[in-house]
N, C-alpha and C. Protein backbone atom coordinates (compact mmCIF):
# COMPACT_ATOMS: atom_id res chain seq x y z
N MET A 1 0.83 -1.20 0.00
CA MET A 1 0.00 0.00 0.00
C MET A 1 0.87 1.26 0.00
N GLU A 2 1.86 1.26 0.90
CA GLU A 2 2.69 2.45 1.08
C GLU A 2 3.54 2.73 -0.16
N PHE A 3 3.97 1.67 -0.83
CA PHE A 3 4.89 1.85 -1.96
C PHE A 3 4.18 2.00 -3.30
N PHE A 4 3.01 1.40 -3.45
CA PHE A 4 2.37 1.42 -4.75
C PHE A 4 1.02 2.15 -4.77
N TYR A 5 0.11 1.74 -3.86
CA TYR A 5 -1.25 2.25 -3.92
C TYR A 5 -1.33 3.76 -3.68
N TRP A 6 -0.80 4.23 -2.54
CA TRP A 6 -0.91 5.66 -2.22
C TRP A 6 -0.18 6.55 -3.21
N PRO A 7 1.04 6.21 -3.62
CA PRO A 7 1.69 7.06 -4.64
C PRO A 7 0.92 7.07 -5.96
N LEU A 8 0.39 5.91 -6.36
CA LEU A 8 -0.39 5.86 -7.60
C LEU A 8 -1.67 6.68 -7.48
N LEU A 9 -2.33 6.56 -6.33
CA LEU A 9 -3.54 7.34 -6.10
C LEU A 9 -3.24 8.84 -6.12
N ASP A 10 -2.17 9.25 -5.46
CA ASP A 10 -1.76 10.65 -5.49
C ASP A 10 -1.47 11.12 -6.91
N LEU A 11 -0.77 10.29 -7.66
CA LEU A 11 -0.44 10.65 -9.04
C LEU A 11 -1.70 10.90 -9.86
N PHE A 12 -2.66 9.98 -9.77
CA PHE A 12 -3.91 10.16 -10.53
C PHE A 12 -4.70 11.37 -10.04
N LEU A 13 -4.89 11.45 -8.72
CA LEU A 13 -5.69 12.52 -8.15
C LEU A 13 -5.15 13.89 -8.53
N TRP A 14 -3.88 14.14 -8.22
CA TRP A 14 -3.31 15.46 -8.49
C TRP A 14 -3.06 15.67 -9.97
N GLY A 15 -2.83 14.60 -10.70
CA GLY A 15 -2.70 14.73 -12.15
C GLY A 15 -4.01 15.20 -12.77
N PHE A 16 -5.12 14.62 -12.34
CA PHE A 16 -6.43 15.04 -12.86
C PHE A 16 -6.77 16.46 -12.44
N ILE A 17 -6.43 16.81 -11.19
CA ILE A 17 -6.67 18.18 -10.74
C ILE A 17 -5.87 19.16 -11.60
N THR A 18 -4.60 18.83 -11.87
CA THR A 18 -3.76 19.69 -12.69
C THR A 18 -4.34 19.83 -14.09
N LEU A 19 -4.75 18.71 -14.69
CA LEU A 19 -5.36 18.77 -16.02
C LEU A 19 -6.60 19.64 -16.02
N TYR A 20 -7.41 19.49 -14.99
CA TYR A 20 -8.63 20.29 -14.90
C TYR A 20 -8.32 21.77 -14.82
N LEU A 21 -7.36 22.12 -13.96
CA LEU A 21 -6.99 23.53 -13.82
C LEU A 21 -6.40 24.09 -15.11
N VAL A 22 -5.60 23.29 -15.80
CA VAL A 22 -5.02 23.75 -17.07
C VAL A 22 -6.12 23.96 -18.11
N LYS A 23 -7.06 23.04 -18.20
CA LYS A 23 -8.15 23.14 -19.18
C LYS A 23 -9.11 24.28 -18.86
N SER A 24 -9.30 24.54 -17.57
CA SER A 24 -10.27 25.58 -17.21
C SER A 24 -9.69 26.97 -17.40
N GLY A 25 -8.38 27.05 -17.63
CA GLY A 25 -7.77 28.37 -17.84
C GLY A 25 -7.89 29.22 -16.61
N LYS A 26 -8.34 30.43 -16.80
CA LYS A 26 -8.46 31.35 -15.67
C LYS A 26 -9.85 31.32 -15.05
N ASN A 27 -10.73 30.50 -15.57
CA ASN A 27 -12.08 30.40 -15.00
C ASN A 27 -12.03 29.64 -13.68
N LEU A 28 -12.92 30.01 -12.80
CA LEU A 28 -13.02 29.30 -11.53
C LEU A 28 -13.73 27.97 -11.74
N PRO A 29 -13.36 26.97 -10.95
CA PRO A 29 -14.11 25.71 -11.02
C PRO A 29 -15.57 25.96 -10.65
N ASN A 30 -16.43 25.10 -11.13
CA ASN A 30 -17.86 25.25 -10.89
C ASN A 30 -18.20 24.73 -9.50
N PHE A 31 -17.98 25.58 -8.49
CA PHE A 31 -18.21 25.17 -7.10
C PHE A 31 -19.67 24.84 -6.83
N VAL A 32 -20.58 25.51 -7.53
CA VAL A 32 -22.00 25.25 -7.28
C VAL A 32 -22.32 23.80 -7.58
N ALA A 33 -21.82 23.27 -8.75
CA ALA A 33 -22.08 21.85 -9.09
C ALA A 33 -21.50 20.93 -8.04
N LEU A 34 -20.28 21.25 -7.55
CA LEU A 34 -19.64 20.41 -6.53
C LEU A 34 -20.43 20.43 -5.23
N MET A 35 -20.95 21.59 -4.86
CA MET A 35 -21.70 21.71 -3.62
C MET A 35 -23.04 20.99 -3.72
N LEU A 36 -23.65 21.02 -4.89
CA LEU A 36 -24.91 20.28 -5.07
C LEU A 36 -24.68 18.78 -4.97
N VAL A 37 -23.57 18.30 -5.52
CA VAL A 37 -23.23 16.88 -5.39
C VAL A 37 -23.01 16.54 -3.92
N SER A 38 -22.32 17.43 -3.20
CA SER A 38 -22.10 17.23 -1.77
C SER A 38 -23.42 17.13 -1.02
N LEU A 39 -24.34 18.02 -1.31
CA LEU A 39 -25.66 17.97 -0.65
C LEU A 39 -26.39 16.67 -0.98
N GLY A 40 -26.28 16.23 -2.22
CA GLY A 40 -26.89 14.96 -2.61
C GLY A 40 -26.33 13.79 -1.82
N LYS A 41 -25.01 13.76 -1.67
CA LYS A 41 -24.38 12.70 -0.88
C LYS A 41 -24.85 12.74 0.57
N ILE A 42 -24.94 13.94 1.12
CA ILE A 42 -25.38 14.08 2.51
C ILE A 42 -26.82 13.60 2.65
N LEU A 43 -27.66 13.94 1.70
CA LEU A 43 -29.06 13.51 1.74
C LEU A 43 -29.17 11.99 1.69
N ILE A 44 -28.41 11.36 0.81
CA ILE A 44 -28.45 9.90 0.69
C ILE A 44 -27.90 9.25 1.96
N ALA A 45 -26.74 9.74 2.43
CA ALA A 45 -26.13 9.16 3.64
C ALA A 45 -27.03 9.37 4.86
N GLY A 46 -27.64 10.56 4.97
CA GLY A 46 -28.54 10.84 6.08
C GLY A 46 -29.76 9.94 6.08
N THR A 47 -30.30 9.69 4.89
CA THR A 47 -31.46 8.80 4.76
C THR A 47 -31.10 7.38 5.19
N VAL A 48 -29.96 6.89 4.71
CA VAL A 48 -29.53 5.54 5.06
C VAL A 48 -29.28 5.44 6.57
N MET A 49 -28.57 6.43 7.14
CA MET A 49 -28.29 6.39 8.58
C MET A 49 -29.57 6.49 9.40
N SER A 50 -30.52 7.31 8.97
CA SER A 50 -31.79 7.42 9.68
C SER A 50 -32.55 6.10 9.65
N LEU A 51 -32.53 5.46 8.50
CA LEU A 51 -33.20 4.16 8.36
C LEU A 51 -32.55 3.11 9.25
N LEU A 52 -31.22 3.08 9.24
CA LEU A 52 -30.51 2.11 10.08
C LEU A 52 -30.72 2.40 11.57
N ALA A 53 -30.74 3.66 11.97
CA ALA A 53 -31.00 4.01 13.37
C ALA A 53 -32.39 3.55 13.79
N TRP A 54 -33.33 3.68 12.88
CA TRP A 54 -34.69 3.24 13.17
C TRP A 54 -34.76 1.71 13.26
N LEU A 55 -34.10 1.01 12.31
CA LEU A 55 -34.13 -0.45 12.30
C LEU A 55 -33.40 -1.07 13.49
N PHE A 56 -32.19 -0.58 13.78
CA PHE A 56 -31.37 -1.19 14.81
C PHE A 56 -31.66 -0.70 16.22
N TYR A 57 -32.07 0.56 16.37
CA TYR A 57 -32.20 1.14 17.71
C TYR A 57 -33.59 1.73 18.00
N SER A 58 -34.52 1.58 17.07
CA SER A 58 -35.87 2.14 17.21
C SER A 58 -35.83 3.64 17.46
N PHE A 59 -34.84 4.32 16.89
CA PHE A 59 -34.70 5.77 17.03
C PHE A 59 -35.20 6.43 15.76
N ASN A 60 -36.24 7.24 15.90
CA ASN A 60 -36.84 7.89 14.74
C ASN A 60 -36.51 9.39 14.77
N ILE A 61 -35.57 9.79 13.95
CA ILE A 61 -35.15 11.20 13.92
C ILE A 61 -36.27 12.09 13.37
N PHE A 62 -37.19 11.50 12.63
CA PHE A 62 -38.25 12.30 12.02
C PHE A 62 -39.31 12.75 13.02
N VAL A 63 -39.24 12.24 14.24
CA VAL A 63 -40.12 12.73 15.30
C VAL A 63 -39.83 14.20 15.56
N ILE A 64 -38.55 14.56 15.46
CA ILE A 64 -38.15 15.96 15.66
C ILE A 64 -38.66 16.82 14.52
N GLY A 65 -38.71 16.25 13.34
CA GLY A 65 -39.25 16.97 12.20
C GLY A 65 -38.18 17.58 11.30
N VAL A 66 -38.66 18.28 10.30
CA VAL A 66 -37.75 18.90 9.33
C VAL A 66 -37.08 20.15 9.87
N SER A 67 -37.39 20.52 11.09
CA SER A 67 -36.79 21.70 11.69
C SER A 67 -35.27 21.58 11.83
N LEU A 68 -34.78 20.34 11.86
CA LEU A 68 -33.34 20.14 11.97
C LEU A 68 -32.61 20.43 10.66
N VAL A 69 -33.30 20.39 9.54
CA VAL A 69 -32.66 20.53 8.23
C VAL A 69 -31.85 21.82 8.10
N PRO A 70 -32.38 23.00 8.46
CA PRO A 70 -31.55 24.20 8.32
C PRO A 70 -30.28 24.16 9.17
N PHE A 71 -30.35 23.50 10.32
CA PHE A 71 -29.17 23.38 11.17
C PHE A 71 -28.12 22.49 10.51
N VAL A 72 -28.59 21.41 9.90
CA VAL A 72 -27.67 20.52 9.18
C VAL A 72 -27.04 21.25 8.00
N VAL A 73 -27.84 22.05 7.29
CA VAL A 73 -27.31 22.82 6.17
C VAL A 73 -26.21 23.77 6.64
N SER A 74 -26.42 24.40 7.78
CA SER A 74 -25.40 25.30 8.32
C SER A 74 -24.10 24.54 8.62
N LEU A 75 -24.21 23.34 9.15
CA LEU A 75 -23.02 22.53 9.40
C LEU A 75 -22.33 22.13 8.09
N VAL A 76 -23.12 21.83 7.08
CA VAL A 76 -22.55 21.49 5.77
C VAL A 76 -21.76 22.67 5.20
N VAL A 77 -22.31 23.86 5.31
CA VAL A 77 -21.61 25.06 4.82
C VAL A 77 -20.30 25.25 5.58
N LEU A 78 -20.32 25.04 6.89
CA LEU A 78 -19.09 25.13 7.67
C LEU A 78 -18.09 24.08 7.20
N GLY A 79 -18.56 22.89 6.92
CA GLY A 79 -17.68 21.84 6.41
C GLY A 79 -17.07 22.21 5.07
N TRP A 80 -17.86 22.81 4.19
CA TRP A 80 -17.33 23.28 2.90
C TRP A 80 -16.23 24.32 3.13
N THR A 81 -16.48 25.23 4.05
CA THR A 81 -15.51 26.29 4.33
C THR A 81 -14.20 25.70 4.83
N ILE A 82 -14.29 24.79 5.77
CA ILE A 82 -13.08 24.13 6.28
C ILE A 82 -12.39 23.36 5.16
N GLY A 83 -13.18 22.73 4.30
CA GLY A 83 -12.62 22.00 3.16
C GLY A 83 -11.88 22.90 2.18
N ILE A 84 -12.43 24.07 1.92
CA ILE A 84 -11.78 25.02 1.01
C ILE A 84 -10.46 25.50 1.61
N ILE A 85 -10.47 25.77 2.90
CA ILE A 85 -9.23 26.24 3.57
C ILE A 85 -8.17 25.14 3.56
N THR A 86 -8.54 23.92 3.93
CA THR A 86 -7.55 22.85 3.96
C THR A 86 -7.06 22.50 2.56
N THR A 87 -7.94 22.54 1.57
CA THR A 87 -7.51 22.31 0.19
C THR A 87 -6.51 23.37 -0.24
N SER A 88 -6.76 24.61 0.15
CA SER A 88 -5.83 25.69 -0.17
C SER A 88 -4.46 25.42 0.45
N LEU A 89 -4.46 25.02 1.71
CA LEU A 89 -3.19 24.75 2.39
C LEU A 89 -2.45 23.57 1.78
N ILE A 90 -3.20 22.54 1.37
CA ILE A 90 -2.57 21.39 0.72
C ILE A 90 -2.00 21.79 -0.64
N LEU A 91 -2.74 22.61 -1.39
CA LEU A 91 -2.20 23.10 -2.66
C LEU A 91 -0.90 23.87 -2.46
N ARG A 92 -0.86 24.67 -1.43
CA ARG A 92 0.30 25.53 -1.20
C ARG A 92 1.48 24.77 -0.59
N PHE A 93 1.22 23.91 0.40
CA PHE A 93 2.31 23.28 1.13
C PHE A 93 2.49 21.80 0.84
N GLY A 94 1.63 21.23 0.01
CA GLY A 94 1.78 19.84 -0.39
C GLY A 94 1.21 18.86 0.61
N GLN A 95 1.64 17.63 0.43
CA GLN A 95 1.10 16.51 1.20
C GLN A 95 1.33 16.65 2.70
N GLN A 96 2.36 17.38 3.09
CA GLN A 96 2.63 17.55 4.51
C GLN A 96 1.46 18.25 5.22
N ALA A 97 0.69 19.02 4.49
CA ALA A 97 -0.42 19.76 5.08
C ALA A 97 -1.70 18.93 5.18
N GLU A 98 -1.68 17.69 4.71
CA GLU A 98 -2.89 16.86 4.75
C GLU A 98 -3.39 16.64 6.17
N ILE A 99 -2.50 16.62 7.12
CA ILE A 99 -2.90 16.41 8.52
C ILE A 99 -3.83 17.53 8.98
N LEU A 100 -3.71 18.71 8.35
CA LEU A 100 -4.56 19.83 8.71
C LEU A 100 -6.04 19.55 8.40
N ALA A 101 -6.29 18.71 7.41
CA ALA A 101 -7.68 18.37 7.08
C ALA A 101 -8.39 17.79 8.29
N TRP A 102 -7.68 17.00 9.08
CA TRP A 102 -8.27 16.43 10.29
C TRP A 102 -8.12 17.39 11.46
N GLY A 103 -6.97 17.98 11.56
CA GLY A 103 -6.66 18.83 12.71
C GLY A 103 -7.55 20.05 12.82
N ILE A 104 -7.82 20.72 11.70
CA ILE A 104 -8.64 21.93 11.74
C ILE A 104 -10.05 21.60 12.22
N ALA A 105 -10.62 20.54 11.68
CA ALA A 105 -11.98 20.16 12.09
C ALA A 105 -12.03 19.78 13.57
N ILE A 106 -11.01 19.08 14.04
CA ILE A 106 -10.99 18.66 15.45
C ILE A 106 -10.81 19.86 16.38
N LEU A 107 -10.10 20.90 15.92
CA LEU A 107 -9.91 22.09 16.74
C LEU A 107 -11.25 22.77 17.07
N PHE A 108 -12.22 22.63 16.19
CA PHE A 108 -13.52 23.26 16.39
C PHE A 108 -14.37 22.53 17.44
N GLN A 109 -14.12 21.25 17.66
CA GLN A 109 -15.01 20.46 18.50
C GLN A 109 -15.18 20.98 19.92
N PRO A 110 -14.12 21.33 20.66
CA PRO A 110 -14.34 21.78 22.04
C PRO A 110 -15.18 23.05 22.16
N ILE A 111 -15.20 23.87 21.11
CA ILE A 111 -15.96 25.13 21.17
C ILE A 111 -17.20 25.08 20.29
N SER A 112 -17.66 23.87 20.00
CA SER A 112 -18.83 23.72 19.13
C SER A 112 -20.10 23.35 19.86
N ALA A 113 -20.04 23.13 21.15
CA ALA A 113 -21.22 22.79 21.96
C ALA A 113 -21.90 21.51 21.49
N VAL A 114 -21.09 20.58 21.02
CA VAL A 114 -21.65 19.31 20.55
C VAL A 114 -22.17 18.49 21.72
N PHE A 115 -21.38 18.35 22.75
CA PHE A 115 -21.72 17.47 23.86
C PHE A 115 -22.17 18.21 25.11
N TYR A 116 -21.97 19.50 25.17
CA TYR A 116 -22.30 20.30 26.33
C TYR A 116 -22.60 21.72 25.87
N PRO A 117 -23.37 22.47 26.65
CA PRO A 117 -23.70 23.85 26.26
C PRO A 117 -22.49 24.78 26.37
N VAL A 118 -22.54 25.86 25.64
CA VAL A 118 -21.47 26.86 25.65
C VAL A 118 -21.28 27.43 27.05
N SER A 119 -22.34 27.48 27.83
CA SER A 119 -22.28 28.08 29.16
C SER A 119 -21.28 27.41 30.09
N VAL A 120 -20.88 26.16 29.83
CA VAL A 120 -19.91 25.49 30.70
C VAL A 120 -18.47 25.88 30.38
N LEU A 121 -18.27 26.54 29.26
CA LEU A 121 -16.91 26.93 28.86
C LEU A 121 -16.42 28.13 29.65
N PRO A 122 -15.11 28.23 29.89
CA PRO A 122 -14.56 29.45 30.50
C PRO A 122 -14.72 30.63 29.53
N LYS A 123 -14.67 31.84 30.06
CA LYS A 123 -14.95 33.04 29.26
C LYS A 123 -14.16 33.12 27.95
N PRO A 124 -12.85 32.92 27.95
CA PRO A 124 -12.13 33.02 26.67
C PRO A 124 -12.63 32.03 25.62
N LEU A 125 -12.98 30.83 26.06
CA LEU A 125 -13.50 29.84 25.12
C LEU A 125 -14.93 30.16 24.71
N ARG A 126 -15.69 30.81 25.59
CA ARG A 126 -17.04 31.25 25.19
C ARG A 126 -16.96 32.25 24.06
N PHE A 127 -15.96 33.14 24.12
CA PHE A 127 -15.79 34.08 23.01
C PHE A 127 -15.46 33.32 21.72
N ALA A 128 -14.55 32.34 21.81
CA ALA A 128 -14.21 31.54 20.63
C ALA A 128 -15.46 30.83 20.10
N ALA A 129 -16.30 30.33 21.00
CA ALA A 129 -17.54 29.68 20.58
C ALA A 129 -18.50 30.66 19.91
N SER A 130 -18.44 31.92 20.34
CA SER A 130 -19.36 32.91 19.76
C SER A 130 -19.04 33.26 18.31
N ILE A 131 -17.83 32.93 17.86
CA ILE A 131 -17.49 33.16 16.45
C ILE A 131 -17.40 31.84 15.68
N ASN A 132 -17.93 30.80 16.27
CA ASN A 132 -17.96 29.47 15.67
C ASN A 132 -19.40 29.13 15.30
N PRO A 133 -19.73 29.04 14.01
CA PRO A 133 -21.11 28.75 13.61
C PRO A 133 -21.66 27.45 14.19
N ALA A 134 -20.81 26.46 14.38
CA ALA A 134 -21.27 25.17 14.90
C ALA A 134 -21.84 25.28 16.30
N SER A 135 -21.30 26.20 17.12
CA SER A 135 -21.82 26.33 18.48
C SER A 135 -23.28 26.79 18.46
N TYR A 136 -23.62 27.68 17.54
CA TYR A 136 -25.02 28.14 17.42
C TYR A 136 -25.91 27.00 16.92
N VAL A 137 -25.35 26.19 16.02
CA VAL A 137 -26.12 25.07 15.48
C VAL A 137 -26.47 24.07 16.57
N PHE A 138 -25.46 23.64 17.34
CA PHE A 138 -25.72 22.63 18.36
C PHE A 138 -26.53 23.17 19.53
N GLU A 139 -26.31 24.43 19.88
CA GLU A 139 -27.16 25.05 20.91
C GLU A 139 -28.61 25.13 20.41
N GLY A 140 -28.76 25.48 19.14
CA GLY A 140 -30.10 25.56 18.56
C GLY A 140 -30.78 24.21 18.48
N MET A 141 -30.03 23.19 18.09
CA MET A 141 -30.60 21.83 18.05
C MET A 141 -31.02 21.38 19.44
N ARG A 142 -30.17 21.67 20.41
CA ARG A 142 -30.49 21.30 21.80
C ARG A 142 -31.78 21.98 22.24
N GLU A 143 -31.92 23.27 21.91
CA GLU A 143 -33.12 24.01 22.29
C GLU A 143 -34.34 23.48 21.55
N LEU A 144 -34.19 23.18 20.28
CA LEU A 144 -35.29 22.64 19.47
C LEU A 144 -35.80 21.32 20.05
N ILE A 145 -34.88 20.45 20.43
CA ILE A 145 -35.26 19.15 20.97
C ILE A 145 -35.91 19.28 22.34
N SER A 146 -35.38 20.18 23.18
CA SER A 146 -35.91 20.27 24.54
C SER A 146 -37.18 21.11 24.66
N THR A 147 -37.36 22.10 23.80
CA THR A 147 -38.53 22.98 23.94
C THR A 147 -39.53 22.87 22.79
N SER A 148 -39.13 22.23 21.70
CA SER A 148 -39.95 22.12 20.49
C SER A 148 -40.24 23.46 19.83
N SER A 149 -39.54 24.52 20.24
CA SER A 149 -39.70 25.81 19.56
C SER A 149 -38.48 26.03 18.67
N PHE A 150 -38.72 26.69 17.54
CA PHE A 150 -37.64 26.88 16.57
C PHE A 150 -36.77 28.07 16.97
N PRO A 151 -35.50 27.85 17.27
CA PRO A 151 -34.61 28.91 17.76
C PRO A 151 -33.94 29.69 16.62
N LEU A 152 -34.68 30.58 16.03
CA LEU A 152 -34.14 31.41 14.95
C LEU A 152 -32.97 32.26 15.43
N ASP A 153 -32.99 32.62 16.72
CA ASP A 153 -31.89 33.41 17.27
C ASP A 153 -30.57 32.64 17.30
N LYS A 154 -30.61 31.34 17.13
CA LYS A 154 -29.39 30.52 17.03
C LYS A 154 -29.05 30.24 15.57
N LEU A 155 -30.07 30.04 14.75
CA LEU A 155 -29.83 29.69 13.35
C LEU A 155 -29.29 30.88 12.55
N ALA A 156 -29.87 32.05 12.74
CA ALA A 156 -29.46 33.23 11.96
C ALA A 156 -27.98 33.57 12.15
N PRO A 157 -27.46 33.61 13.39
CA PRO A 157 -26.03 33.90 13.53
C PRO A 157 -25.14 32.85 12.88
N SER A 158 -25.57 31.59 12.93
CA SER A 158 -24.73 30.55 12.32
C SER A 158 -24.59 30.78 10.82
N PHE A 159 -25.69 31.16 10.16
CA PHE A 159 -25.61 31.43 8.72
C PHE A 159 -24.83 32.71 8.43
N ALA A 160 -24.98 33.72 9.27
CA ALA A 160 -24.25 34.98 9.05
C ALA A 160 -22.75 34.76 9.19
N ILE A 161 -22.34 34.05 10.23
CA ILE A 161 -20.91 33.78 10.43
C ILE A 161 -20.39 32.89 9.30
N ASN A 162 -21.17 31.89 8.92
CA ASN A 162 -20.78 31.02 7.81
C ASN A 162 -20.57 31.81 6.53
N ALA A 163 -21.43 32.78 6.27
CA ALA A 163 -21.31 33.59 5.04
C ALA A 163 -19.98 34.34 5.03
N VAL A 164 -19.63 34.92 6.16
CA VAL A 164 -18.36 35.65 6.26
C VAL A 164 -17.19 34.68 6.06
N TYR A 165 -17.23 33.56 6.74
CA TYR A 165 -16.13 32.59 6.63
C TYR A 165 -16.03 32.01 5.22
N MET A 166 -17.17 31.74 4.59
CA MET A 166 -17.14 31.19 3.23
C MET A 166 -16.51 32.20 2.27
N PHE A 167 -16.89 33.46 2.39
CA PHE A 167 -16.31 34.50 1.55
C PHE A 167 -14.79 34.57 1.75
N LEU A 168 -14.37 34.59 3.02
CA LEU A 168 -12.93 34.65 3.31
C LEU A 168 -12.20 33.40 2.81
N ALA A 169 -12.84 32.25 2.89
CA ALA A 169 -12.23 31.01 2.40
C ALA A 169 -12.03 31.07 0.88
N PHE A 170 -13.02 31.60 0.15
CA PHE A 170 -12.88 31.72 -1.30
C PHE A 170 -11.76 32.70 -1.65
N VAL A 171 -11.68 33.81 -0.95
CA VAL A 171 -10.61 34.78 -1.19
C VAL A 171 -9.26 34.12 -0.93
N PHE A 172 -9.15 33.41 0.18
CA PHE A 172 -7.92 32.71 0.54
C PHE A 172 -7.55 31.69 -0.54
N PHE A 173 -8.53 30.91 -0.99
CA PHE A 173 -8.29 29.90 -2.03
C PHE A 173 -7.78 30.55 -3.31
N LEU A 174 -8.42 31.63 -3.73
CA LEU A 174 -8.01 32.29 -4.97
C LEU A 174 -6.59 32.84 -4.87
N ARG A 175 -6.24 33.39 -3.72
CA ARG A 175 -4.88 33.90 -3.53
C ARG A 175 -3.87 32.76 -3.54
N ILE A 176 -4.19 31.68 -2.88
CA ILE A 176 -3.28 30.52 -2.86
C ILE A 176 -3.15 29.94 -4.26
N LEU A 177 -4.27 29.80 -4.97
CA LEU A 177 -4.23 29.25 -6.33
C LEU A 177 -3.35 30.11 -7.24
N LYS A 178 -3.47 31.41 -7.11
CA LYS A 178 -2.64 32.32 -7.89
C LYS A 178 -1.16 32.11 -7.57
N THR A 179 -0.85 32.00 -6.29
CA THR A 179 0.54 31.78 -5.86
C THR A 179 1.06 30.44 -6.36
N VAL A 180 0.24 29.41 -6.24
CA VAL A 180 0.64 28.06 -6.64
C VAL A 180 0.91 28.02 -8.15
N ARG A 181 0.05 28.65 -8.92
CA ARG A 181 0.26 28.70 -10.37
C ARG A 181 1.52 29.48 -10.71
N LYS A 182 1.70 30.60 -10.05
CA LYS A 182 2.85 31.48 -10.33
C LYS A 182 4.17 30.76 -10.01
N LYS A 183 4.21 30.03 -8.90
CA LYS A 183 5.42 29.35 -8.48
C LYS A 183 5.57 27.96 -9.09
N GLY A 184 4.56 27.50 -9.82
CA GLY A 184 4.63 26.17 -10.44
C GLY A 184 4.58 25.04 -9.44
N LEU A 185 3.86 25.23 -8.36
CA LEU A 185 3.82 24.23 -7.29
C LEU A 185 2.84 23.09 -7.57
N LEU A 186 1.96 23.22 -8.53
CA LEU A 186 1.00 22.15 -8.79
C LEU A 186 1.69 20.87 -9.22
N SER A 187 2.80 21.00 -9.91
CA SER A 187 3.51 19.82 -10.38
C SER A 187 4.18 19.07 -9.24
N ARG A 188 4.43 19.74 -8.10
CA ARG A 188 5.08 19.11 -6.95
C ARG A 188 4.10 18.41 -6.02
N ILE A 189 2.83 18.69 -6.16
CA ILE A 189 1.85 18.13 -5.22
C ILE A 189 1.76 16.62 -5.43
N GLY A 190 1.75 15.91 -4.33
CA GLY A 190 1.68 14.46 -4.38
C GLY A 190 3.04 13.80 -4.21
N GLU A 191 4.10 14.61 -4.17
CA GLU A 191 5.44 14.04 -3.97
C GLU A 191 5.65 13.68 -2.54
């Protein structure tokens, strides 16, 4: 695996990316098509997982209703943003930066209110949570489940912060792509 599979996979993956970027010229990749495919995958995976949770554990997520959908969408947008940033770093610094794909996402977990409310965090971490869209999502989901009322005051900030981060991620990606093209670093990726 280490000697043949991974190097061959890297060669194909980055070779195809390079061909795509060369063919597309100065046009941006069609991110909308990629994001729609991502949403489709999430919808299919979510349906399968919901069905399996119901079959194996008698847990019906649909009891909560479609109110969870906007919260899930907000998490997906955050995931896209993190993906754009890590892809940018991998383009710029090569395979050594691949660990960031896992590390960046894990850094968000303690301040995301996944397992506990933001109120248990110390003040400096509460501030970090206040600029993390995921914390609003999980706080909102918790409120939705416990009170059955839709917490728009949690959903709106998550989308607003996501919009800012997504914009900054695209700007960052475009700057990195310009640098990578200028320095000829695309040919080194995968080494």
